[in-house]
Protein backbone atom coordinates (compact mmCIF):
# COMPACT_ATOMS: atom_id res chain seq x y z
CA MET A 1 93.34 101.49 120.21
CA SER A 2 94.02 103.68 116.64
CA GLN A 3 91.62 105.08 115.64
CA ALA A 4 89.63 103.77 112.23
CA PHE A 5 88.51 105.34 108.99
CA SER A 6 86.79 105.01 106.14
CA HIS A 7 87.09 106.84 102.89
CA GLN A 8 84.76 106.19 99.11
CA VAL A 9 85.60 106.79 96.28
CA GLN A 10 84.23 105.80 92.61
CA PHE A 11 86.50 104.08 89.38
CA SER A 12 85.28 105.30 86.10
CA SER A 13 88.20 102.60 84.72
CA PRO A 14 90.28 99.21 85.49
CA ASP A 15 92.91 101.22 84.65
CA GLN A 16 92.10 103.70 88.25
CA THR A 17 92.30 100.65 89.81
CA ARG A 18 95.42 99.76 88.09
CA GLN A 19 97.09 103.36 89.09
CA PHE A 20 95.72 102.58 93.26
CA ALA A 21 97.22 99.67 93.33
CA VAL A 22 100.71 100.35 91.36
CA ASN A 23 100.95 103.67 93.05
CA LEU A 24 99.93 101.81 97.07
CA SER A 25 103.04 99.37 96.35
CA ASN A 26 105.60 101.57 96.67
CA HIS A 27 104.42 102.34 100.25
CA LEU A 28 104.36 98.55 101.29
CA GLY A 29 106.16 96.35 103.36
CA ALA A 30 106.65 92.89 105.65
CA GLY A 31 103.34 92.83 107.82
CA ASP A 32 101.16 94.39 105.71
CA VAL A 33 97.92 92.79 105.35
CA ILE A 34 95.62 94.12 102.36
CA LEU A 35 92.07 93.02 102.48
CA LEU A 36 90.59 92.17 99.40
CA GLU A 37 86.70 92.24 99.81
CA GLY A 38 83.48 91.78 96.95
CA GLY A 39 81.44 89.83 95.25
CA ILE A 40 83.07 88.07 92.29
CA GLY A 41 84.14 90.14 89.33
CA ALA A 42 84.18 93.33 91.47
CA GLY A 43 87.58 93.68 90.26
CA LYS A 44 89.98 92.05 94.01
CA THR A 45 92.06 90.24 91.87
CA HIS A 46 91.77 93.12 88.81
CA PHE A 47 93.62 94.76 91.71
CA ALA A 48 96.09 92.66 93.89
CA ARG A 49 97.31 91.43 90.20
CA SER A 50 98.54 94.93 89.34
CA LEU A 51 99.58 96.10 92.32
CA ILE A 52 101.67 92.03 92.41
CA GLN A 53 102.96 93.00 88.44
CA ALA A 54 103.99 97.06 89.80
CA ARG A 55 106.11 95.10 92.37
CA LEU A 56 108.02 93.22 90.67
CA ALA A 57 108.66 95.50 88.39
CA GLU A 58 110.49 96.81 89.71
CA ASN A 59 113.12 94.38 90.70
CA GLY A 60 113.02 93.89 87.12
CA VAL A 61 110.81 90.55 86.75
CA ALA A 62 107.98 90.62 84.33
CA GLU A 63 105.63 88.01 85.14
CA ASP A 64 102.37 86.21 85.33
CA VAL A 65 100.02 86.70 88.63
CA PRO A 66 97.47 84.33 87.90
CA SER A 67 94.38 84.31 90.21
CA PRO A 68 95.24 81.77 92.83
CA THR A 69 91.19 81.03 93.68
CA PHE A 70 92.29 76.31 92.96
CA THR A 71 96.54 76.63 94.33
CA LEU A 72 94.60 78.94 96.91
CA VAL A 73 97.84 81.05 97.40
CA GLN A 74 100.47 81.87 95.32
CA THR A 75 104.05 83.56 97.09
CA TYR A 76 106.10 85.95 94.91
CA ASP A 77 110.27 87.68 95.76
CA ALA A 78 109.51 90.97 94.82
CA GLY A 79 113.13 91.72 96.62
CA ASN A 80 113.78 92.50 99.49
CA ASP A 81 110.13 91.40 100.16
CA GLU A 82 107.72 87.96 99.75
CA ILE A 83 104.47 89.16 98.98
CA TRP A 84 101.22 86.19 99.30
CA HIS A 85 98.42 86.53 97.48
CA ALA A 86 96.22 84.47 99.08
CA ASP A 87 92.07 83.02 97.73
CA LEU A 88 89.91 82.45 100.99
CA TYR A 89 86.72 81.59 98.94
CA ARG A 90 87.19 77.47 99.04
CA LEU A 91 87.90 77.05 102.22
CA THR A 92 85.15 77.19 105.65
CA LEU A 93 87.10 76.76 108.88
CA PRO A 94 89.89 79.32 109.73
CA ASP A 95 91.62 76.28 110.82
CA GLU A 96 92.27 75.41 107.49
CA MET A 97 94.72 79.36 106.60
CA GLU A 98 96.69 77.90 109.29
CA GLU A 99 97.41 75.10 107.85
CA LEU A 100 98.58 77.16 105.06
CA GLY A 101 100.85 79.28 107.17
CA LEU A 102 99.02 82.38 106.04
CA VAL A 103 99.25 83.18 109.88
CA GLN A 104 102.55 83.24 109.92
CA ALA A 105 102.89 85.19 106.63
CA PHE A 106 100.50 88.08 108.45
CA ASP A 107 104.51 89.26 109.92
CA ASP A 108 106.68 88.33 107.37
CA ALA A 109 105.03 88.85 104.10
CA ILE A 110 103.11 91.62 101.89
CA CYS A 111 99.82 89.61 102.14
CA LEU A 112 97.54 89.84 99.84
CA VAL A 113 93.84 88.39 101.39
CA GLU A 114 91.12 87.93 98.59
CA TRP A 115 87.21 86.18 101.01
CA PRO A 116 88.60 87.33 103.69
CA ASP A 117 85.31 86.85 106.06
CA ARG A 118 86.61 82.80 106.32
CA LEU A 119 89.72 84.41 107.96
CA GLY A 120 87.34 84.35 111.21
CA ASP A 121 88.83 85.52 114.04
CA LEU A 122 92.08 85.55 112.67
CA ARG A 123 91.65 88.42 110.86
CA PRO A 124 94.60 90.68 111.14
CA ASP A 125 93.71 94.34 113.52
CA THR A 126 96.30 96.17 111.56
CA ALA A 127 95.04 95.30 107.80
CA VAL A 128 93.59 97.68 106.14
CA THR A 129 90.13 96.36 104.08
CA ILE A 130 89.50 97.60 100.50
CA SER A 131 86.33 96.65 99.52
CA PHE A 132 85.04 96.62 95.71
CA GLU A 133 81.52 96.78 94.19
CA THR A 134 80.35 97.24 90.95
CA CYS A 135 77.81 100.14 89.25
CA ALA A 136 74.87 99.69 88.27
CA GLY A 137 73.60 100.64 84.61
CA PRO A 138 74.37 100.17 80.85
CA ASP A 139 77.21 103.46 81.63
CA GLN A 140 79.07 102.79 84.24
CA GLU A 141 79.90 98.97 83.54
CA ASP A 142 83.27 99.42 84.28
CA HIS A 143 82.99 102.44 87.55
CA ARG A 144 84.20 100.15 90.62
CA VAL A 145 82.64 102.34 94.46
CA ILE A 146 86.44 101.15 96.04
CA THR A 147 85.99 101.88 100.30
CA ILE A 148 89.20 101.95 101.99
CA SER A 149 88.61 101.29 105.66
CA GLY A 150 91.53 100.40 109.19
CA SER A 151 93.38 101.78 111.28
CA LYS A 152 94.15 105.62 110.89
CA ASP A 153 97.92 105.66 112.34
CA ILE A 154 98.47 102.92 110.07
CA TRP A 155 96.66 103.16 106.84
CA GLN A 156 94.75 106.59 106.03
CA SER A 157 97.67 108.38 104.57
CA ARG A 158 99.49 106.51 103.24
CA VAL A 159 96.18 104.90 101.33
CA MET A 160 95.00 109.07 100.76
CA ARG A 161 98.40 110.02 99.11
CA CYS A 162 98.47 106.53 96.87
CA LEU A 163 95.04 108.28 94.83
CA PRO A 164 94.81 108.38 91.86
CA THR A 165 94.04 111.80 90.12
């Protein structure tokens, strides 16, 4: 069992969230799973879109990255890796994940999963969880508190060097 880590940081703009996603995109490979938690409008899709677009741009591809709220899963060919972006908001049973092929993708692709609470027992032990929380206050509408947690030996060093300065 690997040690758990948790780190919290506050981003003062959507650009800082984007930069974190761009930085992290360079450190991902098949089998990496990022679980994105937070309420509606907290920044999960913005983060996922930024990460996917950065990874696609490395391969000379410029592509619109829509939210998979209604399609449930969007896949992208990112050179040597496939990226799966899943939004599980509308799902109610963990068995539905297997029907989507998501469980197999956890091993074979880079996976970004919004609303991971829907996974139940299918939640991968090796995943990193990034939780987004909006800040209260009139001058903080774009501020987010980001909490990153996961297996220390797998994620801590990668995540910590990717945070924007």
